[in-house]
């Protein structure tokens, strides 16, 4: 039997679908999402929740002329399906395949590249202002989740949007979730509004009834409109958005397509900024995701019938090592507190939050606040551990400088997903943290080589009285090289093997690769020394002086961009040594790292190979350099 979805081949094809078939199409889209994502992995619950909302937007808009800016963008799968990319979903988030986020280069219907939270209103507002300045005529819509309203940037944009005198639409997709359950005053405020779901229907029904009164109906309506603020305050506590000057419409059932179309069409007629408050259910249509939307936010390949992952690793991840160590340390030290930005599950602090609820703080999607808040905790005498993904921590660069490192508060940054993370692509790769962290005076940076060293450095951090960043990769924790476990000394590297002529300095996750490189080089009769860098900052100058004096080629290996990374810091110091004595410190330097590019989505091993970071490629580069001697 032919499916309605099979006829959606290009933008705006949905407008050919009769209204009586909308529900059937929504069901087919959910069926396709489940079938497809179960084979590729990806963001499931968020996309299941916005099926009807996305359909309504596409019914009301003319794409790509009109613009939709998706906040974060992980909920854009339905949008991609409705704009003709359904057949490309077999390669979703794979190397060379379509992205799991909106990409301008992928489709003209993707108005703006997104990947981080709380940015959509700013970007869409800029679009709308540009439209007006150029005298053009199209609709601009920002779709933002309630979780993203915990981010300060959203309010900066809302404050500016209130000044709009032309149409600008904000869709608030309220599913009571970000990745984990929402926290704080914004969540409470929206919950109060949800309790008044009849507000928009009441307002419109009363207006229609009054207008039908002979002769005086219109004047009565005008009088009521003048007093609408009083009515609004009675029915909808707070009226925050309208108090700012933004028209509020809602709450609207986010799974009722006719109602959504009616409200969005009405919003398009406004000559100002309007916010449409839509209530959706994250994971809708798939019982496991409805019951536990956090677990099905981002999934690996899974069995649709059971909801269980097809492949479950029995080995510990770095996140789990961090989680268990935090529990042990907190049991011994009541001053230890955990801070995260809306990701207690992803960062490994969930168990900590349950065992020590008074010492756990989820501040919402507000990384800047998380860092300064932690600085305040440290100033008060606590020992804060801030767990944030590498790509998200970069949002709080200013706060790390001014509020943590300048006054030297002993905040520990536990930086998960450092290095190449894979399928989420450019916006999520943690390839910049060594560069931005090492640029901050007073920051100390450590990269553990394996799971044992992560445990050891966390224990070391308890008594370390200065800012410390610990960066570790996503996924299974490396368990090799257990025989090398020298006590951690501040600013000191660890020698894993000595050799002749060639010396390798490997940072964190690259130690495993470097160990394999050493074995490959041995087959070519090259006997390299290998150093586990440990402290990327401060530099271990003594070991660099030794290597520059006794070896002819020094190789640095890091899973970070070369610009501003460890290799450049080594190069600068070696240059200083050569200025002192060129003959004594004459070693040549080969820097292995990520080039000056944004790393696309795909399998981590394939991405490393494409950039020459795999052991075979590194070996070949070293042999080439060695032959120049």
Protein backbone atom coordinates (compact mmCIF):
# COMPACT_ATOMS: atom_id res chain seq x y z
CA UNK A 1 0.00 0.00 0.00
CA UNK A 2 1.40 3.40 -1.03
CA UNK A 3 2.26 5.77 1.77
CA UNK A 4 1.49 9.47 1.84
CA UNK A 5 5.10 10.10 2.89
CA UNK A 6 6.32 8.65 -0.41
CA UNK A 7 4.81 11.67 -2.17
CA UNK A 8 6.84 14.15 -0.10
CA UNK A 9 9.79 14.60 -2.46
CA UNK A 10 10.56 18.31 -2.23
CA UNK A 11 9.77 21.42 -0.18
CA UNK A 12 6.08 22.34 0.11
CA UNK A 13 4.82 18.96 -1.13
CA UNK A 14 3.01 18.65 2.19
CA UNK A 15 0.55 21.30 0.99
CA UNK A 16 -0.80 18.78 -1.50
CA UNK A 17 -1.86 16.47 1.34
CA UNK A 18 -5.60 16.74 2.22
CA UNK A 19 -6.23 17.79 5.84
CA UNK A 20 -8.05 14.54 6.55
CA UNK A 21 -4.74 12.70 5.93
CA UNK A 22 -2.59 14.83 8.26
CA UNK A 23 -2.81 12.38 11.16
CA UNK A 24 -1.91 9.48 8.89
CA UNK A 25 1.12 11.38 7.58
CA UNK A 26 2.22 12.17 11.13
CA UNK A 27 2.03 8.47 11.95
CA UNK A 28 4.07 7.57 8.88
CA UNK A 29 6.74 10.12 9.79
CA UNK A 30 7.05 8.67 13.29
CA UNK A 31 7.24 5.16 11.84
CA UNK A 32 9.99 6.30 9.47
CA UNK A 33 11.92 8.02 12.25
CA UNK A 34 11.86 4.90 14.41
CA UNK A 35 12.87 2.61 11.57
CA UNK A 36 15.64 4.92 10.38
CA UNK A 37 17.14 6.07 13.69
CA UNK A 38 17.12 2.52 15.05
CA UNK A 39 19.60 1.67 12.27
CA UNK A 40 21.80 4.79 12.36
CA UNK A 41 21.42 6.19 15.85
CA UNK A 42 20.64 9.84 16.43
CA UNK A 43 18.28 12.15 18.28
CA UNK A 44 14.99 10.32 18.69
CA UNK A 45 12.74 11.69 21.45
CA UNK A 46 13.06 15.34 20.44
CA UNK A 47 12.09 14.58 16.83
CA UNK A 48 9.15 12.35 17.76
CA UNK A 49 7.84 15.27 19.80
CA UNK A 50 7.81 17.88 17.01
CA UNK A 51 6.18 15.95 14.16
CA UNK A 52 2.87 17.86 14.13
CA UNK A 53 4.54 21.20 14.92
CA UNK A 54 6.93 20.80 11.99
CA UNK A 55 4.11 19.77 9.70
CA UNK A 56 2.10 22.84 10.70
CA UNK A 57 5.07 25.13 10.06
CA UNK A 58 5.55 23.65 6.61
CA UNK A 59 1.84 24.01 5.88
CA UNK A 60 1.91 27.68 6.86
CA UNK A 61 5.24 28.68 5.33
CA UNK A 62 6.71 28.80 1.86
CA UNK A 63 10.17 27.19 1.96
CA UNK A 64 12.89 28.09 1.27
CA UNK A 65 11.64 31.67 0.89
CA UNK A 66 10.42 31.74 4.50
CA UNK A 67 12.99 30.99 7.18
CA UNK A 68 12.91 28.59 10.14
CA UNK A 69 15.77 28.80 12.64
CA UNK A 70 15.84 25.73 14.88
CA UNK A 71 17.37 26.18 18.32
CA UNK A 72 20.09 23.55 18.85
CA UNK A 73 18.78 21.85 15.72
CA UNK A 74 18.73 18.23 16.88
CA UNK A 75 14.94 18.27 16.38
CA UNK A 76 15.19 19.11 12.66
CA UNK A 77 14.87 15.55 11.28
CA UNK A 78 11.18 16.00 10.44
CA UNK A 79 12.02 19.28 8.71
CA UNK A 80 14.63 17.44 6.64
CA UNK A 81 12.14 14.73 5.71
CA UNK A 82 9.56 17.30 4.58
CA UNK A 83 12.14 19.13 2.44
CA UNK A 84 13.04 16.11 0.33
CA UNK A 85 15.86 14.46 2.23
CA UNK A 86 14.08 11.31 3.38
CA UNK A 87 16.05 9.02 1.09
CA UNK A 88 19.34 10.32 2.53
CA UNK A 89 18.53 9.19 6.08
CA UNK A 90 20.39 5.92 5.61
CA UNK A 91 23.56 8.02 5.89
CA UNK A 92 22.41 10.21 8.76
CA UNK A 93 25.36 11.43 10.86
CA UNK A 94 27.80 9.24 8.92
CA UNK A 95 30.98 10.40 7.19
CA UNK A 96 29.85 12.00 3.93
CA UNK A 97 26.15 11.64 4.81
CA UNK A 98 23.59 14.19 5.95
CA UNK A 99 24.05 15.97 9.25
CA UNK A 100 21.91 15.52 12.33
CA UNK A 101 21.66 19.31 12.53
CA UNK A 102 20.56 22.04 10.07
CA UNK A 103 23.28 22.84 7.51
CA UNK A 104 23.02 25.67 4.99
CA UNK A 105 25.33 23.81 2.60
CA UNK A 106 23.00 20.80 2.73
CA UNK A 107 19.76 22.54 1.76
CA UNK A 108 18.45 26.02 1.01
CA UNK A 109 15.62 25.16 3.42
CA UNK A 110 18.10 25.11 6.31
CA UNK A 111 18.21 28.83 7.02
CA UNK A 112 20.93 28.79 9.66
CA UNK A 113 23.54 26.36 10.97
CA UNK A 114 22.80 25.53 14.60
CA UNK A 115 24.13 23.11 17.21
CA UNK A 116 24.26 24.93 20.54
CA UNK A 117 21.38 26.08 22.68
CA UNK A 118 19.60 29.42 23.18
CA UNK A 119 20.80 30.97 19.90
CA UNK A 120 17.75 30.76 17.60
CA UNK A 121 15.97 33.97 18.61
CA UNK A 122 19.14 36.03 18.11
CA UNK A 123 19.82 34.53 14.68
CA UNK A 124 16.22 34.74 13.52
CA UNK A 125 15.90 38.32 14.78
CA UNK A 126 18.96 39.24 12.75
CA UNK A 127 17.34 37.59 9.73
CA UNK A 128 14.14 39.58 10.27
CA UNK A 129 15.98 42.89 10.66
CA UNK A 130 17.98 42.18 7.50
CA UNK A 131 14.75 41.35 5.67
CA UNK A 132 13.22 44.66 6.67
CA UNK A 133 16.31 46.70 5.81
CA UNK A 134 16.37 45.19 2.32
CA UNK A 135 12.65 45.73 1.86
CA UNK A 136 11.96 42.03 1.36
CA UNK A 137 8.85 40.12 2.34
CA UNK A 138 9.11 36.74 3.99
CA UNK A 139 8.31 35.15 7.34
CA UNK A 140 11.00 34.41 9.90
CA UNK A 141 10.35 31.87 12.67
CA UNK A 142 12.58 30.94 15.59
CA UNK A 143 11.77 27.58 17.19
CA UNK A 144 13.15 27.35 20.71
CA UNK A 145 12.62 24.78 23.45
CA UNK A 146 11.65 25.56 27.01
CA UNK A 147 14.98 24.11 28.15
CA UNK A 148 16.82 26.68 26.02
CA UNK A 149 15.04 29.47 27.91
CA UNK A 150 17.37 28.75 30.83
CA UNK A 151 20.15 30.24 28.67
CA UNK A 152 20.73 33.97 29.11
CA UNK A 153 21.29 34.60 25.39
CA UNK A 154 17.63 33.83 24.73
CA UNK A 155 16.57 36.68 27.02
CA UNK A 156 19.03 39.09 25.46
CA UNK A 157 17.35 38.35 22.13
CA UNK A 158 13.80 38.52 23.54
CA UNK A 159 14.63 41.93 25.00
CA UNK A 160 15.60 43.17 21.53
CA UNK A 161 12.72 41.39 19.78
CA UNK A 162 10.23 43.44 21.81
CA UNK A 163 11.21 46.46 19.70
CA UNK A 164 10.13 44.85 16.42
CA UNK A 165 7.47 46.70 14.44
CA UNK A 166 7.32 44.06 11.69
CA UNK A 167 6.32 40.41 11.86
CA UNK A 168 8.61 38.10 13.81
CA UNK A 169 7.49 34.75 15.22
CA UNK A 170 8.95 32.82 18.13
CA UNK A 171 7.66 29.27 18.60
CA UNK A 172 8.22 28.09 22.16
CA UNK A 173 8.27 24.28 21.99
CA UNK A 174 7.44 23.41 25.57
CA UNK A 175 7.96 19.74 26.40
CA UNK A 176 9.12 20.28 29.99
CA UNK A 177 12.54 18.94 28.99
CA UNK A 178 15.92 20.01 27.67
CA UNK A 179 17.99 16.82 27.59
CA UNK A 180 17.16 16.05 31.18
CA UNK A 181 14.22 17.42 33.14
CA UNK A 182 14.15 21.20 33.31
CA UNK A 183 14.99 23.00 36.51
CA UNK A 184 14.54 26.46 38.00
CA UNK A 185 12.14 29.38 37.87
CA UNK A 186 11.57 29.36 34.09
CA UNK A 187 10.27 25.81 34.29
CA UNK A 188 7.93 26.77 37.14
CA UNK A 189 6.69 29.82 35.25
CA UNK A 190 5.87 27.81 32.15
CA UNK A 191 4.18 25.19 34.26
CA UNK A 192 1.89 27.91 35.64
CA UNK A 193 0.97 28.88 32.08
CA UNK A 194 0.29 25.25 31.16
CA UNK A 195 -2.35 25.20 33.84
CA UNK A 196 -4.26 27.79 31.79
CA UNK A 197 -4.48 25.94 28.48
CA UNK A 198 -7.90 27.41 27.71
CA UNK A 199 -6.58 30.98 27.61
CA UNK A 200 -6.23 31.46 23.86
CA UNK A 201 -9.52 29.69 23.04
CA UNK A 202 -11.31 31.68 25.74
CA UNK A 203 -9.93 34.98 24.43
CA UNK A 204 -10.86 34.30 20.80
CA UNK A 205 -14.27 32.81 21.61
CA UNK A 206 -15.22 35.81 23.77
CA UNK A 207 -14.09 38.24 21.08
CA UNK A 208 -16.15 36.46 18.42
CA UNK A 209 -19.23 36.38 20.64
CA UNK A 210 -18.97 40.08 21.48
CA UNK A 211 -18.64 41.09 17.85
CA UNK A 212 -21.98 39.41 17.10
CA UNK A 213 -23.83 41.82 19.39
CA UNK A 214 -25.79 44.24 17.14
CA UNK A 215 -24.51 47.85 16.92
CA UNK A 216 -22.37 47.84 20.06
CA UNK A 217 -20.31 44.66 19.55
CA UNK A 218 -17.22 46.25 18.00
CA UNK A 219 -17.01 49.01 20.60
CA UNK A 220 -17.29 46.46 23.39
CA UNK A 221 -14.42 44.48 21.84
CA UNK A 222 -12.27 47.62 21.73
CA UNK A 223 -13.05 48.29 25.36
CA UNK A 224 -12.17 44.72 26.34
CA UNK A 225 -8.89 44.92 24.41
CA UNK A 226 -7.94 48.00 26.41
CA UNK A 227 -8.39 46.00 29.57
CA UNK A 228 -6.86 42.79 28.26
CA UNK A 229 -3.85 43.12 30.54
CA UNK A 230 -6.08 42.76 33.58
CA UNK A 231 -7.80 39.72 32.10
CA UNK A 232 -4.47 38.23 31.12
CA UNK A 233 -3.03 38.66 34.61
CA UNK A 234 -6.10 36.96 36.07
CA UNK A 235 -5.99 34.00 33.67
CA UNK A 236 -2.26 33.73 33.02
CA UNK A 237 -0.05 34.58 36.03
CA UNK A 238 2.97 36.73 35.23
CA UNK A 239 2.34 37.60 31.61
CA UNK A 240 6.12 37.85 31.27
CA UNK A 241 6.30 37.98 27.49
CA UNK A 242 3.47 40.47 27.02
CA UNK A 243 4.89 42.64 29.79
CA UNK A 244 8.01 42.88 27.64
CA UNK A 245 5.96 43.92 24.62
CA UNK A 246 5.78 40.57 22.83
CA UNK A 247 2.33 39.25 21.95
CA UNK A 248 1.69 35.89 23.59
CA UNK A 249 -0.48 33.20 21.98
CA UNK A 250 -1.09 29.94 23.75
CA UNK A 251 -0.76 27.48 25.22
CA UNK A 252 -1.52 25.46 22.06
CA UNK A 253 -1.71 21.68 21.78
CA UNK A 254 1.44 20.86 19.82
CA UNK A 255 -0.08 17.68 18.43
CA UNK A 256 -3.28 19.26 17.06
CA UNK A 257 -2.38 20.25 13.49
CA UNK A 258 -5.54 22.26 12.65
CA UNK A 259 -5.15 24.31 15.82
CA UNK A 260 -1.44 24.83 15.17
CA UNK A 261 -2.13 25.97 11.60
CA UNK A 262 -4.79 28.38 12.83
CA UNK A 263 -2.55 29.94 15.47
CA UNK A 264 0.58 30.14 13.28
CA UNK A 265 -1.49 31.73 10.50
CA UNK A 266 -2.77 34.30 13.01
CA UNK A 267 0.77 34.93 14.22
CA UNK A 268 1.88 35.68 10.65
CA UNK A 269 -0.59 38.58 10.52
CA UNK A 270 0.96 40.35 13.52
CA UNK A 271 3.11 43.40 12.80
CA UNK A 272 5.35 42.85 15.79
CA UNK A 273 7.08 40.07 17.66
CA UNK A 274 4.75 37.28 18.74
CA UNK A 275 5.45 34.20 20.81
CA UNK A 276 3.41 31.06 20.19
CA UNK A 277 3.55 28.74 23.19
CA UNK A 278 3.20 25.12 22.00
CA UNK A 279 2.88 22.16 24.38
CA UNK A 280 4.41 18.95 23.03
CA UNK A 281 5.35 15.56 24.43
CA UNK A 282 8.95 14.54 23.95
CA UNK A 283 9.12 11.01 22.54
CA UNK A 284 5.46 11.01 21.47
CA UNK A 285 4.26 7.89 19.69
CA UNK A 286 6.93 5.53 21.02
CA UNK A 287 6.19 4.24 24.50
CA UNK A 288 9.78 3.72 25.72
CA UNK A 289 10.67 7.28 24.69
CA UNK A 290 7.50 8.71 26.23
CA UNK A 291 8.29 7.02 29.55
CA UNK A 292 11.98 7.96 29.61
CA UNK A 293 12.66 10.81 27.15
CA UNK A 294 16.10 11.51 28.62
CA UNK A 295 17.28 8.00 27.81
CA UNK A 296 16.02 8.35 24.23
CA UNK A 297 17.28 11.86 23.61
CA UNK A 298 20.34 10.62 21.74
CA UNK A 299 20.49 6.92 20.96
CA UNK A 300 22.78 4.38 19.33
CA UNK A 301 21.35 1.67 17.10
CA UNK A 302 18.49 -0.07 18.91
CA UNK A 303 15.75 -2.70 18.63
CA UNK A 304 12.45 -0.91 17.93
CA UNK A 305 10.37 -3.64 19.58
CA UNK A 306 12.22 -3.63 22.89
CA UNK A 307 13.84 -0.21 22.83
CA UNK A 308 17.12 -1.80 23.88
CA UNK A 309 20.47 -0.92 22.24
CA UNK A 310 21.73 -3.51 19.77
CA UNK A 311 25.24 -3.28 21.14
CA UNK A 312 25.92 -2.59 24.77
CA UNK A 313 29.49 -2.15 25.95
CA UNK A 314 30.51 -3.86 29.17
CA UNK A 315 33.56 -1.63 29.53
CA UNK A 316 33.53 1.53 31.59
CA UNK A 317 33.47 4.92 29.92
CA UNK A 318 35.49 7.92 31.07
CA UNK A 319 32.18 9.46 32.16
CA UNK A 320 31.48 6.48 34.40
CA UNK A 321 34.97 6.61 35.89
CA UNK A 322 34.39 10.28 36.71
CA UNK A 323 30.97 9.48 38.18
CA UNK A 324 32.24 6.75 40.50
CA UNK A 325 35.24 8.79 41.61
CA UNK A 326 33.07 11.77 42.46
CA UNK A 327 30.94 9.60 44.72
CA UNK A 328 34.01 8.27 46.53
CA UNK A 329 35.52 11.70 47.03
CA UNK A 330 32.26 13.27 48.15
CA UNK A 331 31.88 10.57 50.81
CA UNK A 332 35.26 11.62 52.22
CA UNK A 333 34.93 15.40 51.83
CA UNK A 334 31.70 17.27 52.54
CA UNK A 335 33.00 20.39 50.78
CA UNK A 336 32.94 18.70 47.36
CA UNK A 337 30.03 19.89 45.21
CA UNK A 338 29.02 19.04 41.64
CA UNK A 339 27.82 21.56 39.05
CA UNK A 340 26.46 20.85 35.56
CA UNK A 341 24.52 22.69 32.85
CA UNK A 342 21.35 20.67 32.21
CA UNK A 343 23.21 17.39 31.71
CA UNK A 344 23.40 15.32 34.90
CA UNK A 345 23.15 12.09 32.87
CA UNK A 346 25.55 13.01 30.08
CA UNK A 347 28.26 14.32 32.40
CA UNK A 348 27.98 11.48 34.92
CA UNK A 349 26.68 13.54 37.83
CA UNK A 350 23.23 11.93 38.02
CA UNK A 351 24.15 9.43 40.77
CA UNK A 352 25.92 12.21 42.65
CA UNK A 353 22.72 14.28 42.46
CA UNK A 354 20.73 11.46 44.04
CA UNK A 355 23.24 10.65 46.76
CA UNK A 356 24.14 14.25 47.59
CA UNK A 357 21.18 16.38 46.48
CA UNK A 358 22.19 19.34 48.66
CA UNK A 359 25.63 19.40 47.08
CA UNK A 360 24.53 19.10 43.46
CA UNK A 361 23.57 22.04 41.27
CA UNK A 362 22.05 21.75 37.80
CA UNK A 363 21.87 25.35 36.61
CA UNK A 364 20.13 24.63 33.30
CA UNK A 365 21.55 25.39 29.86
CA UNK A 366 23.64 28.23 31.24
CA UNK A 367 27.34 27.42 31.02
CA UNK A 368 28.43 30.99 31.72
CA UNK A 369 26.40 31.06 34.92
CA UNK A 370 27.66 27.59 35.88
CA UNK A 371 31.29 28.77 35.85
CA UNK A 372 30.78 32.00 37.79
CA UNK A 373 28.43 30.22 40.20
CA UNK A 374 31.18 27.65 40.82
CA UNK A 375 33.64 30.48 41.42
CA UNK A 376 31.28 31.82 44.09
CA UNK A 377 31.06 28.39 45.68
CA UNK A 378 34.85 28.21 45.77
CA UNK A 379 35.09 31.70 47.27
CA UNK A 380 32.72 30.54 50.01
CA UNK A 381 35.02 27.64 50.87
CA UNK A 382 33.54 24.77 48.85
CA UNK A 383 35.37 22.57 46.32
CA UNK A 384 33.35 22.74 43.09
CA UNK A 385 33.65 20.26 40.22
CA UNK A 386 32.10 21.67 37.05
CA UNK A 387 31.23 18.94 34.55
CA UNK A 388 30.59 20.32 31.05
CA UNK A 389 31.27 19.01 27.55
CA UNK A 390 34.29 20.53 25.81
CA UNK A 391 32.32 22.21 23.02
CA UNK A 392 29.87 23.75 25.51
CA UNK A 393 32.50 24.97 27.98
CA UNK A 394 33.91 27.28 25.30
CA UNK A 395 30.78 29.40 25.79
CA UNK A 396 32.06 30.43 29.21
CA UNK A 397 35.56 31.55 28.21
CA UNK A 398 35.11 35.03 29.66
CA UNK A 399 33.88 33.69 33.00
CA UNK A 400 36.85 31.32 33.28
CA UNK A 401 39.19 34.26 32.77
CA UNK A 402 37.63 36.88 35.03
CA UNK A 403 35.81 34.91 37.70
CA UNK A 404 37.95 31.79 38.17
CA UNK A 405 41.52 32.25 36.96
CA UNK A 406 42.13 35.91 37.73
CA UNK A 407 41.31 35.46 41.46
CA UNK A 408 42.69 31.88 41.36
CA UNK A 409 39.65 30.11 42.76
CA UNK A 410 40.25 26.33 43.00
CA UNK A 411 37.50 25.26 40.60
CA UNK A 412 37.96 21.89 38.87
CA UNK A 413 36.65 21.68 35.31
CA UNK A 414 35.81 18.10 34.30
CA UNK A 415 35.71 18.36 30.53
CA UNK A 416 33.94 15.43 28.91
CA UNK A 417 33.79 14.78 25.14
CA UNK A 418 37.23 16.35 24.58
CA UNK A 419 38.65 15.64 21.15
CA UNK A 420 36.73 14.18 18.23
CA UNK A 421 33.26 13.02 19.30
CA UNK A 422 31.98 11.78 15.93
CA UNK A 423 28.42 11.81 14.65
CA UNK A 424 27.23 15.14 16.09
CA UNK A 425 29.71 16.96 13.89
CA UNK A 426 31.23 20.43 13.76
CA UNK A 427 29.34 22.08 16.60
CA UNK A 428 30.06 19.28 19.06
CA UNK A 429 33.66 18.26 18.36
CA UNK A 430 35.80 19.09 21.40
CA UNK A 431 38.85 20.13 19.41
CA UNK A 432 39.45 23.64 20.73
CA UNK A 433 39.72 23.23 24.50
CA UNK A 434 43.50 22.94 24.78
CA UNK A 435 43.82 26.14 22.77
CA UNK A 436 41.32 28.23 24.70
CA UNK A 437 42.21 26.83 28.12
CA UNK A 438 45.96 27.22 27.71
CA UNK A 439 45.49 30.82 26.60
CA UNK A 440 44.18 31.75 30.07
CA UNK A 441 46.77 32.87 32.64
CA UNK A 442 46.46 30.84 35.82
CA UNK A 443 44.67 27.88 34.25
CA UNK A 444 46.22 24.42 34.67
CA UNK A 445 45.37 21.71 32.15
CA UNK A 446 45.69 17.93 32.54
CA UNK A 447 44.89 15.14 30.07
CA UNK A 448 44.86 11.56 31.45
CA UNK A 449 46.20 8.74 29.27
CA UNK A 450 43.79 6.07 30.58
CA UNK A 451 41.06 5.35 33.10
CA UNK A 452 43.49 4.87 35.98
CA UNK A 453 45.05 8.24 35.43
CA UNK A 454 41.65 9.94 35.35
CA UNK A 455 40.97 8.48 38.78
CA UNK A 456 44.40 9.54 40.01
CA UNK A 457 44.14 13.14 38.80
CA UNK A 458 40.69 13.55 40.31
CA UNK A 459 42.13 12.45 43.66
CA UNK A 460 45.05 14.85 43.08
CA UNK A 461 42.60 17.69 42.39
CA UNK A 462 41.08 17.50 45.89
CA UNK A 463 44.02 19.28 47.46
CA UNK A 464 45.09 21.32 44.43
CA UNK A 465 44.54 24.95 45.36
CA UNK A 466 44.20 26.56 41.91
CA UNK A 467 42.01 26.27 38.79
CA UNK A 468 42.42 22.89 37.11
CA UNK A 469 40.94 21.60 33.85
CA UNK A 470 40.84 17.84 33.29
CA UNK A 471 39.93 16.89 29.71
CA UNK A 472 38.98 13.36 28.66
CA UNK A 473 37.36 11.83 25.57
CA UNK A 474 33.97 10.37 24.88
CA UNK A 475 33.39 6.65 25.08
CA UNK A 476 35.16 3.59 26.43
CA UNK A 477 37.97 4.39 28.85
CA UNK A 478 41.35 3.08 27.73
CA UNK A 479 42.55 0.38 30.12
CA UNK A 480 45.99 -0.24 28.66
CA UNK A 481 49.38 0.80 30.03
CA UNK A 482 48.23 -0.03 33.55
CA UNK A 483 51.84 -0.85 34.41
CA UNK A 484 52.70 2.85 34.12
CA UNK A 485 51.15 4.64 37.06
CA UNK A 486 53.68 7.06 38.47
CA UNK A 487 52.29 9.39 41.16
CA UNK A 488 51.01 12.66 39.74
CA UNK A 489 53.34 15.56 40.38
CA UNK A 490 52.34 19.08 39.46
CA UNK A 491 53.69 20.08 36.06
CA UNK A 492 55.52 16.78 35.52
CA UNK A 493 55.25 14.41 32.56
CA UNK A 494 55.59 10.62 32.68
CA UNK A 495 58.27 8.75 30.71
CA UNK A 496 56.82 5.52 29.30
CA UNK A 497 59.85 4.43 27.28
CA UNK A 498 63.27 5.75 26.32
CA UNK A 499 64.82 5.30 22.91
CA UNK A 500 67.11 6.91 20.39
CA UNK A 501 66.92 9.83 17.95
CA UNK A 502 63.08 10.12 17.96
CA UNK A 503 60.92 11.14 20.93
CA UNK A 504 57.12 11.29 21.00
CA UNK A 505 55.18 13.55 23.35
CA UNK A 506 51.55 12.36 23.44
CA UNK A 507 48.64 14.17 25.06
CA UNK A 508 45.81 12.25 26.77
CA UNK A 509 43.87 10.10 24.31
CA UNK A 510 46.79 10.14 21.86
CA UNK A 511 48.98 8.10 24.23
CA UNK A 512 47.14 4.94 23.18
CA UNK A 513 47.77 5.77 19.52
CA UNK A 514 51.39 6.69 20.24
CA UNK A 515 52.02 3.32 21.93
CA UNK A 516 50.88 1.59 18.75
CA UNK A 517 53.03 3.98 16.69
CA UNK A 518 56.07 2.93 18.74
CA UNK A 519 55.41 -0.72 17.87
CA UNK A 520 55.08 0.13 14.16
CA UNK A 521 58.28 2.19 14.22
CA UNK A 522 60.15 -0.68 15.88
CA UNK A 523 59.35 -2.79 12.80
CA UNK A 524 61.20 -0.12 10.79
CA UNK A 525 64.20 -0.27 13.14
CA UNK A 526 63.32 3.07 14.75
CA UNK A 527 63.40 3.11 18.54
CA UNK A 528 61.40 6.09 19.80
CA UNK A 529 61.08 7.43 23.31
CA UNK A 530 57.50 8.00 24.49
CA UNK A 531 56.37 10.60 27.02
CA UNK A 532 52.88 10.88 28.49
CA UNK A 533 52.52 14.67 28.69
CA UNK A 534 49.95 14.73 31.51
CA UNK A 535 50.13 18.49 32.20
CA UNK A 536 49.58 20.37 28.96
CA UNK A 537 49.88 23.51 31.05
CA UNK A 538 52.23 24.23 32.68
CA UNK A 539 54.82 22.85 30.24
CA UNK A 540 57.30 20.38 31.63
CA UNK A 541 60.32 22.44 30.57
CA UNK A 542 62.90 20.08 32.07
CA UNK A 543 61.74 17.16 29.99
CA UNK A 544 61.63 19.34 26.86
CA UNK A 545 65.21 20.47 27.48
CA UNK A 546 66.30 16.83 27.83
CA UNK A 547 64.57 15.77 24.64
CA UNK A 548 65.82 18.78 22.65
CA UNK A 549 69.36 17.97 23.77
CA UNK A 550 69.40 14.17 23.41
CA UNK A 551 67.03 13.51 20.48
CA UNK A 552 66.99 14.62 16.89
CA UNK A 553 63.24 14.57 16.16
CA UNK A 554 60.54 15.49 18.65
CA UNK A 555 56.95 14.59 17.76
CA UNK A 556 53.93 16.08 19.53
CA UNK A 557 50.56 14.30 19.27
CA UNK A 558 47.28 15.90 20.39
CA UNK A 559 43.57 15.52 19.62
CA UNK A 560 43.13 19.28 19.35
CA UNK A 561 43.60 21.89 16.64
CA UNK A 562 47.26 22.66 16.10
CA UNK A 563 46.66 26.41 16.31
CA UNK A 564 47.19 27.37 19.93
CA UNK A 565 47.59 23.77 21.05
CA UNK A 566 50.29 21.81 22.84
CA UNK A 567 52.51 21.45 19.77
CA UNK A 568 52.68 25.19 19.27
CA UNK A 569 53.57 25.71 22.93
CA UNK A 570 56.40 23.18 22.56
CA UNK A 571 57.55 24.86 19.34
CA UNK A 572 57.74 28.24 21.08
CA UNK A 573 59.80 26.85 23.94
CA UNK A 574 62.16 24.92 21.64
CA UNK A 575 62.67 28.12 19.68
CA UNK A 576 63.71 29.89 22.89
CA UNK A 577 66.17 27.06 23.64
CA UNK A 578 67.69 27.28 20.17
CA UNK A 579 68.20 30.99 20.63
CA UNK A 580 70.27 30.15 23.70
CA UNK A 581 72.32 27.38 22.07
CA UNK A 582 71.45 26.12 18.59
CA UNK A 583 74.00 23.30 18.63
CA UNK A 584 72.97 21.99 22.04
CA UNK A 585 69.20 22.16 21.42
CA UNK A 586 68.96 21.28 17.75
CA UNK A 587 66.05 18.82 17.70
CA UNK A 588 63.53 19.16 14.86
CA UNK A 589 59.82 19.27 15.69
CA UNK A 590 56.94 17.43 14.01
CA UNK A 591 53.47 18.49 15.20
CA UNK A 592 50.61 15.97 14.84
CA UNK A 593 47.12 17.35 15.45
CA UNK A 594 43.95 18.60 13.84
CA UNK A 595 44.39 21.13 11.00
CA UNK A 596 42.72 24.54 10.98
CA UNK A 597 39.29 23.17 10.03
CA UNK A 598 35.91 22.34 11.54
CA UNK A 599 35.63 18.56 11.77
CA UNK A 600 32.48 17.20 10.15
CA UNK A 601 30.28 14.37 11.42
CA UNK A 602 31.15 10.71 11.06
CA UNK A 603 32.73 7.69 12.68
CA UNK A 604 35.59 8.74 14.97
CA UNK A 605 38.10 6.30 13.48
CA UNK A 606 37.29 7.43 9.95
CA UNK A 607 37.59 11.08 10.94
CA UNK A 608 40.98 10.49 12.55
CA UNK A 609 42.17 8.63 9.49
CA UNK A 610 40.99 11.45 7.22
CA UNK A 611 43.12 13.92 9.20
CA UNK A 612 46.15 11.71 9.60
CA UNK A 613 45.69 11.07 13.32
CA UNK A 614 45.49 7.26 13.13
CA UNK A 615 48.56 5.22 14.08
CA UNK A 616 49.45 4.23 10.51
CA UNK A 617 49.36 7.81 9.24
CA UNK A 618 51.37 9.10 12.19
CA UNK A 619 53.95 6.34 11.70
CA UNK A 620 54.36 7.26 8.04
CA UNK A 621 54.83 10.95 8.91
CA UNK A 622 57.50 10.11 11.48
CA UNK A 623 59.34 7.79 9.08
CA UNK A 624 59.34 10.54 6.45
CA UNK A 625 60.79 13.01 8.96
CA UNK A 626 63.30 10.44 10.18
CA UNK A 627 64.64 9.88 6.69
CA UNK A 628 65.55 13.57 6.49
CA UNK A 629 68.13 13.12 9.26
